[in-house]
Amino acid sequence: MKQNGKAYWRESLECFLFITLFMALFLTVFVISGRLNGMDWLNYFDHFKWTFNTEFFKDLMQSWK
């Protein structure tokens, strides 16, 4: 397939920038619409925590031995 004269890295950069701008616009609209409806989505990230059960994986590794 013939390219349109642009370098591959330049096309990749343009694609990355387009996707980044699209996702930023999408998330901005999502947050603003939540605020207008009385739902503050950004406050949920203050209390967000990852919990990881390491005991499960330790037991799994023991059972493979």
N, C-alpha and C. Protein backbone atom coordinates (compact mmCIF):
# COMPACT_ATOMS: atom_id res chain seq x y z
N MET A 1 0.85 -1.17 0.00
CA MET A 1 0.00 0.00 0.00
C MET A 1 0.90 1.24 0.00
N LYS A 2 0.62 2.15 -0.89
CA LYS A 2 1.43 3.35 -1.03
C LYS A 2 0.96 4.42 -0.05
N GLN A 3 1.91 5.05 0.60
CA GLN A 3 1.57 6.15 1.51
C GLN A 3 1.36 7.42 0.72
N ASN A 4 0.79 8.41 1.37
CA ASN A 4 0.45 9.65 0.69
C ASN A 4 1.57 10.68 0.74
N GLY A 5 2.82 10.27 0.84
CA GLY A 5 3.94 11.18 0.82
C GLY A 5 4.43 11.60 2.20
N LYS A 6 3.69 11.31 3.25
CA LYS A 6 4.12 11.66 4.61
C LYS A 6 4.96 10.54 5.19
N ALA A 7 5.83 10.92 6.08
CA ALA A 7 6.64 9.92 6.77
C ALA A 7 5.75 9.14 7.73
N TYR A 8 6.14 7.90 7.99
CA TYR A 8 5.34 7.04 8.86
C TYR A 8 5.24 7.61 10.27
N TRP A 9 6.35 8.14 10.78
CA TRP A 9 6.33 8.69 12.14
C TRP A 9 5.41 9.90 12.23
N ARG A 10 5.32 10.67 11.14
CA ARG A 10 4.45 11.85 11.15
C ARG A 10 2.98 11.44 11.15
N GLU A 11 2.64 10.43 10.35
CA GLU A 11 1.26 9.92 10.36
C GLU A 11 0.90 9.34 11.71
N SER A 12 1.84 8.63 12.33
CA SER A 12 1.59 8.06 13.65
C SER A 12 1.38 9.15 14.69
N LEU A 13 2.18 10.20 14.62
CA LEU A 13 2.04 11.31 15.55
C LEU A 13 0.70 12.02 15.37
N GLU A 14 0.29 12.24 14.13
CA GLU A 14 -1.01 12.86 13.87
C GLU A 14 -2.15 12.01 14.40
N CYS A 15 -2.06 10.71 14.22
CA CYS A 15 -3.09 9.80 14.72
C CYS A 15 -3.14 9.84 16.24
N PHE A 16 -1.98 9.80 16.88
CA PHE A 16 -1.92 9.86 18.34
C PHE A 16 -2.52 11.16 18.85
N LEU A 17 -2.18 12.28 18.22
CA LEU A 17 -2.71 13.58 18.65
C LEU A 17 -4.22 13.66 18.46
N PHE A 18 -4.72 13.13 17.35
CA PHE A 18 -6.16 13.13 17.10
C PHE A 18 -6.90 12.30 18.16
N ILE A 19 -6.38 11.13 18.45
CA ILE A 19 -7.02 10.26 19.46
C ILE A 19 -6.96 10.93 20.83
N THR A 20 -5.85 11.56 21.18
CA THR A 20 -5.72 12.25 22.46
C THR A 20 -6.71 13.39 22.57
N LEU A 21 -6.83 14.19 21.52
CA LEU A 21 -7.78 15.30 21.55
C LEU A 21 -9.22 14.80 21.62
N PHE A 22 -9.53 13.75 20.89
CA PHE A 22 -10.87 13.19 20.91
C PHE A 22 -11.22 12.66 22.30
N MET A 23 -10.30 11.95 22.95
CA MET A 23 -10.56 11.41 24.28
C MET A 23 -10.68 12.54 25.31
N ALA A 24 -9.85 13.57 25.18
CA ALA A 24 -9.94 14.71 26.10
C ALA A 24 -11.29 15.40 25.95
N LEU A 25 -11.75 15.59 24.72
CA LEU A 25 -13.05 16.20 24.48
C LEU A 25 -14.17 15.33 25.05
N PHE A 26 -14.08 14.02 24.83
CA PHE A 26 -15.09 13.10 25.34
C PHE A 26 -15.16 13.16 26.86
N LEU A 27 -14.02 13.09 27.53
CA LEU A 27 -14.01 13.11 29.00
C LEU A 27 -14.46 14.46 29.54
N THR A 28 -14.12 15.54 28.85
CA THR A 28 -14.57 16.87 29.27
C THR A 28 -16.08 16.99 29.20
N VAL A 29 -16.65 16.52 28.11
CA VAL A 29 -18.12 16.56 27.97
C VAL A 29 -18.76 15.67 29.03
N PHE A 30 -18.17 14.54 29.33
CA PHE A 30 -18.69 13.63 30.34
C PHE A 30 -18.70 14.29 31.71
N VAL A 31 -17.61 14.96 32.07
CA VAL A 31 -17.51 15.62 33.38
C VAL A 31 -18.47 16.81 33.46
N ILE A 32 -18.52 17.61 32.40
CA ILE A 32 -19.40 18.78 32.42
C ILE A 32 -20.86 18.37 32.48
N SER A 33 -21.25 17.36 31.73
CA SER A 33 -22.65 16.91 31.78
C SER A 33 -22.99 16.35 33.15
N GLY A 34 -22.03 15.71 33.81
CA GLY A 34 -22.26 15.24 35.17
C GLY A 34 -22.47 16.38 36.13
N ARG A 35 -21.66 17.43 35.99
CA ARG A 35 -21.82 18.61 36.86
C ARG A 35 -23.18 19.26 36.66
N LEU A 36 -23.62 19.37 35.40
CA LEU A 36 -24.91 19.99 35.11
C LEU A 36 -26.08 19.18 35.67
N ASN A 37 -25.89 17.88 35.80
CA ASN A 37 -26.94 17.02 36.33
C ASN A 37 -26.81 16.77 37.83
N GLY A 38 -25.85 17.41 38.47
CA GLY A 38 -25.70 17.28 39.91
C GLY A 38 -24.82 16.13 40.35
N MET A 39 -24.10 15.52 39.42
CA MET A 39 -23.23 14.40 39.74
C MET A 39 -21.79 14.85 39.54
N ASP A 40 -21.01 14.89 40.60
CA ASP A 40 -19.63 15.33 40.50
C ASP A 40 -18.73 14.11 40.39
N TRP A 41 -18.36 13.76 39.16
CA TRP A 41 -17.57 12.56 38.92
C TRP A 41 -16.14 12.68 39.45
N LEU A 42 -15.62 13.89 39.50
CA LEU A 42 -14.23 14.06 39.92
C LEU A 42 -14.02 13.74 41.40
N ASN A 43 -15.06 13.87 42.22
CA ASN A 43 -14.93 13.54 43.64
C ASN A 43 -14.77 12.04 43.87
N TYR A 44 -15.21 11.22 42.93
CA TYR A 44 -15.04 9.78 43.09
C TYR A 44 -13.59 9.37 43.02
N PHE A 45 -12.76 10.11 42.31
CA PHE A 45 -11.35 9.76 42.20
C PHE A 45 -10.58 10.06 43.48
N ASP A 46 -11.10 10.92 44.34
CA ASP A 46 -10.44 11.19 45.61
C ASP A 46 -10.46 9.96 46.51
N HIS A 47 -11.50 9.17 46.43
CA HIS A 47 -11.66 8.00 47.29
C HIS A 47 -11.34 6.70 46.58
N PHE A 48 -10.87 6.79 45.36
CA PHE A 48 -10.56 5.59 44.58
C PHE A 48 -9.25 4.99 45.05
N LYS A 49 -9.25 3.71 45.36
CA LYS A 49 -8.05 3.02 45.79
C LYS A 49 -7.99 1.65 45.13
N TRP A 50 -6.80 1.27 44.76
CA TRP A 50 -6.60 -0.08 44.23
C TRP A 50 -6.26 -1.00 45.40
N THR A 51 -6.96 -2.08 45.48
CA THR A 51 -6.60 -3.11 46.46
C THR A 51 -6.23 -4.35 45.67
N PHE A 52 -5.17 -4.95 46.05
CA PHE A 52 -4.65 -6.09 45.31
C PHE A 52 -4.43 -7.24 46.28
N ASN A 53 -5.07 -8.34 46.01
CA ASN A 53 -4.98 -9.50 46.87
C ASN A 53 -3.73 -10.30 46.50
N THR A 54 -2.65 -10.06 47.20
CA THR A 54 -1.41 -10.76 46.88
C THR A 54 -1.42 -12.19 47.41
N GLU A 55 -2.21 -12.45 48.43
CA GLU A 55 -2.26 -13.81 48.98
C GLU A 55 -2.78 -14.80 47.95
N PHE A 56 -3.72 -14.39 47.14
CA PHE A 56 -4.26 -15.26 46.11
C PHE A 56 -3.16 -15.72 45.16
N PHE A 57 -2.31 -14.77 44.73
CA PHE A 57 -1.25 -15.11 43.79
C PHE A 57 -0.14 -15.92 44.44
N LYS A 58 0.11 -15.68 45.72
CA LYS A 58 1.10 -16.48 46.43
C LYS A 58 0.62 -17.93 46.53
N ASP A 59 -0.66 -18.12 46.85
CA ASP A 59 -1.22 -19.47 46.92
C ASP A 59 -1.22 -20.14 45.55
N LEU A 60 -1.47 -19.36 44.52
CA LEU A 60 -1.48 -19.90 43.17
C LEU A 60 -0.10 -20.38 42.77
N MET A 61 0.92 -19.61 43.12
CA MET A 61 2.29 -20.00 42.79
C MET A 61 2.71 -21.23 43.58
N GLN A 62 2.26 -21.34 44.82
CA GLN A 62 2.57 -22.51 45.65
C GLN A 62 1.93 -23.77 45.06
N SER A 63 0.74 -23.62 44.50
CA SER A 63 0.05 -24.80 43.95
C SER A 63 0.69 -25.26 42.65
N TRP A 64 1.45 -24.41 41.96
CA TRP A 64 2.09 -24.81 40.73
C TRP A 64 3.38 -25.57 40.99
N LYS A 65 3.95 -25.44 42.18
CA LYS A 65 5.22 -26.11 42.49
C LYS A 65 5.03 -27.56 42.79
